[in-house]
Amino acid sequence: MSGTQNRITIQLDLSGYSFTVYGRNGAVLTQESHSCPVDLSIHELTPVLKRQYASVSVYYTTWKYTLVPLSLFSKGVPRSYLAAVRDISEDDVVLSLDMPSRKAAMVFAVPSHIYEGVTSLCRDVRFYPTAYVLIDRIASVPGNNRLLVSFSEGMLHAVAAEQDRLLFANSFPASDMATASYFIFSVIKEVMFNPEHTVLHIFGKAEDGVAEELGSYFAGVKQLS
């Protein structure tokens, strides 16, 4: 099968990167995970991306993002929206994604060395912040009041929704479980959910014992993949 018929998804975070290559029929052909300082160099990804793919999706773990109502959003000046709520550097490349189901655009930043490194190696590259995945995924979580969190290296991502209405989406620095728990309950308080009647959904991997520890405060904890 020609490499150009395959597609690849790449996850970048503070600890390293992982990638999955899919065939034309959607089957997983290759899957690897590596710990390395991806924030220092794109060269680690060069062997992975030296072949051309039909599409390349890069999921980048960052807290530098915001949602802007589509009625107020102008694609010509995305940087101004993000600079109003996040500290961004001159080297950050600011991108945007339309989220019609939320009637909003997501504006986010990617370091220029990551963006330029990947786009120099591949055609048809789409970047997504990790939070984009959670916002998209929470629509399929059952229930009225829904809370979805994800743990990545040194960060907690949290999304909350009531029925079809997105109430909250943010990411926090959280190097340990005590800090992550603090922010989870801060979100619960802000959106006015009762934890005793709320199921906490965890997307992706979590350390051993996390579900049990949080389960004593919530109506239940469910793991999503």
C-alpha atoms as a PDB file:
ATOM      1  CA  MET A   1       0.000   0.000   0.000  1.00  0.00           C
ATOM      2  CA  SER A   2       1.377   3.420  -0.893  1.00  0.00           C
ATOM      3  CA  GLY A   3       2.350   5.617   2.054  1.00  0.00           C
ATOM      4  CA  THR A   4       0.369   8.464   0.540  1.00  0.00           C
ATOM      5  CA  GLN A   5      -2.824   6.494   1.154  1.00  0.00           C
ATOM      6  CA  ASN A   6      -2.129   6.283   4.892  1.00  0.00           C
ATOM      7  CA  ARG A   7      -2.837   8.898   7.535  1.00  0.00           C
ATOM      8  CA  ILE A   8      -1.015   9.668  10.755  1.00  0.00           C
ATOM      9  CA  THR A   9      -2.007  11.234  14.061  1.00  0.00           C
ATOM     10  CA  ILE A  10       0.663  12.623  16.370  1.00  0.00           C
ATOM     11  CA  GLN A  11       0.278  13.589  20.026  1.00  0.00           C
ATOM     12  CA  LEU A  12       2.836  16.041  21.417  1.00  0.00           C
ATOM     13  CA  ASP A  13       3.116  16.965  25.074  1.00  0.00           C
ATOM     14  CA  LEU A  14       5.729  18.010  27.606  1.00  0.00           C
ATOM     15  CA  SER A  15       7.096  14.491  28.054  1.00  0.00           C
ATOM     16  CA  GLY A  16       7.461  13.389  24.442  1.00  0.00           C
ATOM     17  CA  TYR A  17       5.371  12.202  21.544  1.00  0.00           C
ATOM     18  CA  SER A  18       3.287   9.292  20.321  1.00  0.00           C
ATOM     19  CA  PHE A  19       1.943   8.533  16.883  1.00  0.00           C
ATOM     20  CA  THR A  20      -0.420   6.170  15.128  1.00  0.00           C
ATOM     21  CA  VAL A  21      -0.386   5.365  11.424  1.00  0.00           C
ATOM     22  CA  TYR A  22      -3.697   4.231   9.899  1.00  0.00           C
ATOM     23  CA  GLY A  23      -4.196   2.430   6.604  1.00  0.00           C
ATOM     24  CA  ARG A  24      -6.720   3.382   3.957  1.00  0.00           C
ATOM     25  CA  ASN A  25      -9.314   1.106   5.593  1.00  0.00           C
ATOM     26  CA  GLY A  26      -8.762   2.660   9.035  1.00  0.00           C
ATOM     27  CA  ALA A  27      -6.754  -0.225  10.470  1.00  0.00           C
ATOM     28  CA  VAL A  28      -3.821   0.658  12.744  1.00  0.00           C
ATOM     29  CA  LEU A  29      -0.562  -0.087  10.936  1.00  0.00           C
ATOM     30  CA  THR A  30       1.962   1.341  13.394  1.00  0.00           C
ATOM     31  CA  GLN A  31       1.755   2.752  16.895  1.00  0.00           C
ATOM     32  CA  GLU A  32       4.660   4.064  18.966  1.00  0.00           C
ATOM     33  CA  SER A  33       5.332   6.246  21.992  1.00  0.00           C
ATOM     34  CA  HIS A  34       8.592   8.017  22.843  1.00  0.00           C
ATOM     35  CA  SER A  35       9.752  10.127  25.753  1.00  0.00           C
ATOM     36  CA  CYS A  36      11.926  12.997  24.558  1.00  0.00           C
ATOM     37  CA  PRO A  37      12.133  16.783  24.819  1.00  0.00           C
ATOM     38  CA  VAL A  38       9.997  17.541  21.762  1.00  0.00           C
ATOM     39  CA  ASP A  39       9.911  21.183  22.787  1.00  0.00           C
ATOM     40  CA  LEU A  40      13.629  21.404  22.022  1.00  0.00           C
ATOM     41  CA  SER A  41      13.777  19.903  18.542  1.00  0.00           C
ATOM     42  CA  ILE A  42      11.561  18.638  15.742  1.00  0.00           C
ATOM     43  CA  HIS A  43      14.305  16.325  14.490  1.00  0.00           C
ATOM     44  CA  GLU A  44      12.911  13.473  16.586  1.00  0.00           C
ATOM     45  CA  LEU A  45       9.872  13.399  14.300  1.00  0.00           C
ATOM     46  CA  THR A  46      11.781  13.547  11.019  1.00  0.00           C
ATOM     47  CA  PRO A  47      12.088   9.742  10.613  1.00  0.00           C
ATOM     48  CA  VAL A  48       8.347   9.401  11.289  1.00  0.00           C
ATOM     49  CA  LEU A  49       7.310  12.069   8.807  1.00  0.00           C
ATOM     50  CA  LYS A  50       9.802  11.463   6.018  1.00  0.00           C
ATOM     51  CA  ARG A  51       7.085   9.595   4.110  1.00  0.00           C
ATOM     52  CA  GLN A  52       4.121  11.478   2.745  1.00  0.00           C
ATOM     53  CA  TYR A  53       0.651  10.783   4.150  1.00  0.00           C
ATOM     54  CA  ALA A  54      -2.832  11.513   2.906  1.00  0.00           C
ATOM     55  CA  SER A  55      -3.358  13.583   6.054  1.00  0.00           C
ATOM     56  CA  VAL A  56      -1.399  14.500   9.167  1.00  0.00           C
ATOM     57  CA  SER A  57      -3.185  15.427  12.410  1.00  0.00           C
ATOM     58  CA  VAL A  58      -1.085  16.889  15.220  1.00  0.00           C
ATOM     59  CA  TYR A  59      -2.606  17.111  18.694  1.00  0.00           C
ATOM     60  CA  TYR A  60      -0.587  19.532  20.783  1.00  0.00           C
ATOM     61  CA  THR A  61      -0.949  19.788  24.551  1.00  0.00           C
ATOM     62  CA  THR A  62      -1.247  23.471  25.458  1.00  0.00           C
ATOM     63  CA  TRP A  63      -3.146  25.859  27.710  1.00  0.00           C
ATOM     64  CA  LYS A  64      -2.794  28.662  25.161  1.00  0.00           C
ATOM     65  CA  TYR A  65      -6.282  28.560  23.660  1.00  0.00           C
ATOM     66  CA  THR A  66      -9.637  30.289  23.887  1.00  0.00           C
ATOM     67  CA  LEU A  67     -13.118  30.027  22.363  1.00  0.00           C
ATOM     68  CA  VAL A  68     -14.626  32.966  20.478  1.00  0.00           C
ATOM     69  CA  PRO A  69     -18.299  33.104  19.383  1.00  0.00           C
ATOM     70  CA  LEU A  70     -18.487  32.784  15.606  1.00  0.00           C
ATOM     71  CA  SER A  71     -20.664  35.888  15.486  1.00  0.00           C
ATOM     72  CA  LEU A  72     -17.742  37.907  16.882  1.00  0.00           C
ATOM     73  CA  PHE A  73     -14.861  36.095  15.230  1.00  0.00           C
ATOM     74  CA  SER A  74     -12.761  37.515  12.387  1.00  0.00           C
ATOM     75  CA  LYS A  75     -10.298  35.070  10.827  1.00  0.00           C
ATOM     76  CA  GLY A  76      -7.963  37.889   9.908  1.00  0.00           C
ATOM     77  CA  VAL A  77      -6.936  38.706  13.472  1.00  0.00           C
ATOM     78  CA  PRO A  78      -6.916  35.484  15.535  1.00  0.00           C
ATOM     79  CA  ARG A  79      -3.843  36.561  17.486  1.00  0.00           C
ATOM     80  CA  SER A  80      -5.667  39.484  19.089  1.00  0.00           C
ATOM     81  CA  TYR A  81      -8.286  37.182  20.643  1.00  0.00           C
ATOM     82  CA  LEU A  82      -5.700  34.892  22.215  1.00  0.00           C
ATOM     83  CA  ALA A  83      -3.422  37.716  23.386  1.00  0.00           C
ATOM     84  CA  ALA A  84      -6.353  39.159  25.334  1.00  0.00           C
ATOM     85  CA  VAL A  85      -6.566  36.089  27.604  1.00  0.00           C
ATOM     86  CA  ARG A  86      -3.191  34.293  27.386  1.00  0.00           C
ATOM     87  CA  ASP A  87       0.473  35.263  27.448  1.00  0.00           C
ATOM     88  CA  ILE A  88       1.809  34.377  24.006  1.00  0.00           C
ATOM     89  CA  SER A  89       5.283  34.901  22.631  1.00  0.00           C
ATOM     90  CA  GLU A  90       6.331  36.432  19.339  1.00  0.00           C
ATOM     91  CA  ASP A  91       7.477  32.975  18.226  1.00  0.00           C
ATOM     92  CA  ASP A  92       4.040  31.396  18.717  1.00  0.00           C
ATOM     93  CA  VAL A  93       2.062  30.621  15.581  1.00  0.00           C
ATOM     94  CA  VAL A  94      -1.614  31.369  16.269  1.00  0.00           C
ATOM     95  CA  LEU A  95      -4.159  29.181  14.477  1.00  0.00           C
ATOM     96  CA  SER A  96      -7.928  28.802  14.577  1.00  0.00           C
ATOM     97  CA  LEU A  97     -10.482  26.033  14.102  1.00  0.00           C
ATOM     98  CA  ASP A  98     -14.193  26.473  13.495  1.00  0.00           C
ATOM     99  CA  MET A  99     -16.466  24.545  15.866  1.00  0.00           C
ATOM    100  CA  PRO A 100     -19.912  24.968  14.269  1.00  0.00           C
ATOM    101  CA  SER A 101     -21.600  22.683  16.796  1.00  0.00           C
ATOM    102  CA  ARG A 102     -20.513  25.107  19.526  1.00  0.00           C
ATOM    103  CA  LYS A 103     -21.095  28.204  17.382  1.00  0.00           C
ATOM    104  CA  ALA A 104     -17.524  29.176  18.188  1.00  0.00           C
ATOM    105  CA  ALA A 105     -13.991  29.267  16.864  1.00  0.00           C
ATOM    106  CA  MET A 106     -11.110  27.854  18.867  1.00  0.00           C
ATOM    107  CA  VAL A 107      -7.987  30.024  18.735  1.00  0.00           C
ATOM    108  CA  PHE A 108      -4.735  28.457  19.917  1.00  0.00           C
ATOM    109  CA  ALA A 109      -0.959  28.784  19.754  1.00  0.00           C
ATOM    110  CA  VAL A 110       1.721  26.368  18.574  1.00  0.00           C
ATOM    111  CA  PRO A 111       5.460  27.105  18.984  1.00  0.00           C
ATOM    112  CA  SER A 112       6.902  28.168  15.646  1.00  0.00           C
ATOM    113  CA  HIS A 113       9.638  25.500  15.645  1.00  0.00           C
ATOM    114  CA  ILE A 114       7.007  22.780  16.016  1.00  0.00           C
ATOM    115  CA  TYR A 115       4.664  24.277  13.411  1.00  0.00           C
ATOM    116  CA  GLU A 116       7.355  25.069  10.858  1.00  0.00           C
ATOM    117  CA  GLY A 117       9.152  21.782  11.458  1.00  0.00           C
ATOM    118  CA  VAL A 118       6.069  19.644  10.829  1.00  0.00           C
ATOM    119  CA  THR A 119       4.741  21.671   7.899  1.00  0.00           C
ATOM    120  CA  SER A 120       8.157  21.592   6.216  1.00  0.00           C
ATOM    121  CA  LEU A 121       8.062  17.790   6.274  1.00  0.00           C
ATOM    122  CA  CYS A 122       4.415  17.143   5.407  1.00  0.00           C
ATOM    123  CA  ARG A 123       1.552  18.385   3.307  1.00  0.00           C
ATOM    124  CA  ASP A 124      -2.039  18.682   4.522  1.00  0.00           C
ATOM    125  CA  VAL A 125      -1.216  19.124   8.225  1.00  0.00           C
ATOM    126  CA  ARG A 126      -3.945  20.015  10.716  1.00  0.00           C
ATOM    127  CA  PHE A 127      -3.087  21.086  14.261  1.00  0.00           C
ATOM    128  CA  TYR A 128      -5.463  20.645  17.192  1.00  0.00           C
ATOM    129  CA  PRO A 129      -5.071  21.539  20.868  1.00  0.00           C
ATOM    130  CA  THR A 130      -5.828  18.673  23.246  1.00  0.00           C
ATOM    131  CA  ALA A 131      -8.823  20.603  24.595  1.00  0.00           C
ATOM    132  CA  TYR A 132     -10.416  20.506  21.125  1.00  0.00           C
ATOM    133  CA  VAL A 133     -10.691  16.717  21.441  1.00  0.00           C
ATOM    134  CA  LEU A 134     -12.400  16.989  24.831  1.00  0.00           C
ATOM    135  CA  ILE A 135     -14.898  19.589  23.651  1.00  0.00           C
ATOM    136  CA  ASP A 136     -15.737  17.411  20.679  1.00  0.00           C
ATOM    137  CA  ARG A 137     -15.925  14.240  22.789  1.00  0.00           C
ATOM    138  CA  ILE A 138     -18.143  15.576  25.572  1.00  0.00           C
ATOM    139  CA  ALA A 139     -21.056  15.707  23.125  1.00  0.00           C
ATOM    140  CA  SER A 140     -21.142  11.889  23.197  1.00  0.00           C
ATOM    141  CA  VAL A 141     -21.028  11.627  27.005  1.00  0.00           C
ATOM    142  CA  PRO A 142     -24.468  10.651  28.361  1.00  0.00           C
ATOM    143  CA  GLY A 143     -26.313  12.588  31.035  1.00  0.00           C
ATOM    144  CA  ASN A 144     -27.481  16.103  31.747  1.00  0.00           C
ATOM    145  CA  ASN A 145     -24.562  17.567  33.723  1.00  0.00           C
ATOM    146  CA  ARG A 146     -21.348  16.252  32.169  1.00  0.00           C
ATOM    147  CA  LEU A 147     -17.761  16.673  33.335  1.00  0.00           C
ATOM    148  CA  LEU A 148     -14.835  15.389  31.267  1.00  0.00           C
ATOM    149  CA  VAL A 149     -11.188  15.688  32.290  1.00  0.00           C
ATOM    150  CA  SER A 150      -7.880  14.565  30.854  1.00  0.00           C
ATOM    151  CA  PHE A 151      -4.458  14.297  32.471  1.00  0.00           C
ATOM    152  CA  SER A 152      -1.302  15.008  30.496  1.00  0.00           C
ATOM    153  CA  GLU A 153       2.269  15.654  31.559  1.00  0.00           C
ATOM    154  CA  GLY A 154       2.013  18.428  34.152  1.00  0.00           C
ATOM    155  CA  MET A 155      -1.456  19.545  33.057  1.00  0.00           C
ATOM    156  CA  LEU A 156      -5.146  18.976  33.714  1.00  0.00           C
ATOM    157  CA  HIS A 157      -7.718  19.656  30.985  1.00  0.00           C
ATOM    158  CA  ALA A 158     -11.364  20.051  31.995  1.00  0.00           C
ATOM    159  CA  VAL A 159     -14.587  20.482  30.020  1.00  0.00           C
ATOM    160  CA  ALA A 160     -18.117  20.748  31.417  1.00  0.00           C
ATOM    161  CA  ALA A 161     -21.462  20.814  29.635  1.00  0.00           C
ATOM    162  CA  GLU A 162     -25.129  20.940  30.541  1.00  0.00           C
ATOM    163  CA  GLN A 163     -27.244  19.161  27.953  1.00  0.00           C
ATOM    164  CA  ASP A 164     -26.035  20.657  24.640  1.00  0.00           C
ATOM    165  CA  ARG A 165     -24.575  23.808  26.212  1.00  0.00           C
ATOM    166  CA  LEU A 166     -20.827  24.040  26.797  1.00  0.00           C
ATOM    167  CA  LEU A 167     -20.266  25.649  30.188  1.00  0.00           C
ATOM    168  CA  PHE A 168     -16.535  25.433  30.707  1.00  0.00           C
ATOM    169  CA  ALA A 169     -13.268  24.577  28.957  1.00  0.00           C
ATOM    170  CA  ASN A 170      -9.832  25.274  30.386  1.00  0.00           C
ATOM    171  CA  SER A 171      -6.445  23.761  31.166  1.00  0.00           C
ATOM    172  CA  PHE A 172      -4.418  24.090  34.355  1.00  0.00           C
ATOM    173  CA  PRO A 173      -0.850  23.399  35.497  1.00  0.00           C
ATOM    174  CA  ALA A 174      -1.107  20.324  37.710  1.00  0.00           C
ATOM    175  CA  SER A 175       2.068  18.426  38.513  1.00  0.00           C
ATOM    176  CA  ASP A 176       0.417  16.229  41.165  1.00  0.00           C
ATOM    177  CA  MET A 177      -2.954  14.728  41.994  1.00  0.00           C
ATOM    178  CA  ALA A 178      -3.645  17.121  44.873  1.00  0.00           C
ATOM    179  CA  THR A 179      -3.368  20.107  42.524  1.00  0.00           C
ATOM    180  CA  ALA A 180      -5.445  18.390  39.847  1.00  0.00           C
ATOM    181  CA  SER A 181      -8.163  17.591  42.408  1.00  0.00           C
ATOM    182  CA  TYR A 182      -8.214  21.213  43.553  1.00  0.00           C
ATOM    183  CA  PHE A 183      -8.863  22.418  40.008  1.00  0.00           C
ATOM    184  CA  ILE A 184     -11.484  19.721  39.348  1.00  0.00           C
ATOM    185  CA  PHE A 185     -13.494  20.862  42.359  1.00  0.00           C
ATOM    186  CA  SER A 186     -12.986  24.500  41.364  1.00  0.00           C
ATOM    187  CA  VAL A 187     -14.627  23.669  38.036  1.00  0.00           C
ATOM    188  CA  ILE A 188     -17.468  21.842  39.808  1.00  0.00           C
ATOM    189  CA  LYS A 189     -18.055  24.923  41.951  1.00  0.00           C
ATOM    190  CA  GLU A 190     -17.946  27.323  38.996  1.00  0.00           C
ATOM    191  CA  VAL A 191     -20.489  25.399  36.906  1.00  0.00           C
ATOM    192  CA  MET A 192     -22.576  24.616  40.021  1.00  0.00           C
ATOM    193  CA  PHE A 193     -22.691  20.840  39.601  1.00  0.00           C
ATOM    194  CA  ASN A 194     -23.431  18.638  42.601  1.00  0.00           C
ATOM    195  CA  PRO A 195     -20.614  16.048  42.657  1.00  0.00           C
ATOM    196  CA  GLU A 196     -22.858  13.545  44.419  1.00  0.00           C
ATOM    197  CA  HIS A 197     -25.053  13.538  41.308  1.00  0.00           C
ATOM    198  CA  THR A 198     -22.293  13.940  38.726  1.00  0.00           C
ATOM    199  CA  VAL A 199     -20.316  11.208  36.991  1.00  0.00           C
ATOM    200  CA  LEU A 200     -16.723  12.225  36.351  1.00  0.00           C
ATOM    201  CA  HIS A 201     -15.460  11.042  32.973  1.00  0.00           C
ATOM    202  CA  ILE A 202     -11.702  10.664  32.430  1.00  0.00           C
ATOM    203  CA  PHE A 203     -10.437  10.716  28.856  1.00  0.00           C
ATOM    204  CA  GLY A 204      -7.224   8.842  28.113  1.00  0.00           C
ATOM    205  CA  LYS A 205      -4.691   7.585  30.626  1.00  0.00           C
ATOM    206  CA  ALA A 206      -4.651   8.312  34.333  1.00  0.00           C
ATOM    207  CA  GLU A 207      -2.324   7.150  37.077  1.00  0.00           C
ATOM    208  CA  ASP A 208      -3.269   4.093  39.102  1.00  0.00           C
ATOM    209  CA  GLY A 209      -5.617   4.916  41.956  1.00  0.00           C
ATOM    210  CA  VAL A 210      -6.926   8.183  40.484  1.00  0.00           C
ATOM    211  CA  ALA A 211     -10.383   6.793  39.687  1.00  0.00           C
ATOM    212  CA  GLU A 212     -10.703   5.274  43.149  1.00  0.00           C
ATOM    213  CA  GLU A 213      -9.555   8.469  44.863  1.00  0.00           C
ATOM    214  CA  LEU A 214     -11.960  10.719  42.984  1.00  0.00           C
ATOM    215  CA  GLY A 215     -14.763   8.169  43.045  1.00  0.00           C
ATOM    216  CA  SER A 216     -15.393   8.818  46.740  1.00  0.00           C
ATOM    217  CA  TYR A 217     -16.523  12.357  45.888  1.00  0.00           C
ATOM    218  CA  PHE A 218     -18.549  11.737  42.728  1.00  0.00           C
ATOM    219  CA  ALA A 219     -21.551   9.602  41.818  1.00  0.00           C
ATOM    220  CA  GLY A 220     -19.130   7.576  39.724  1.00  0.00           C
ATOM    221  CA  VAL A 221     -15.973   7.724  37.624  1.00  0.00           C
ATOM    222  CA  LYS A 222     -15.809   6.355  34.092  1.00  0.00           C
ATOM    223  CA  GLN A 223     -12.796   5.952  31.867  1.00  0.00           C
ATOM    224  CA  LEU A 224     -13.054   6.880  28.184  1.00  0.00           C
ATOM    225  CA  SER A 225     -10.551   5.991  25.478  1.00  0.00           C
END
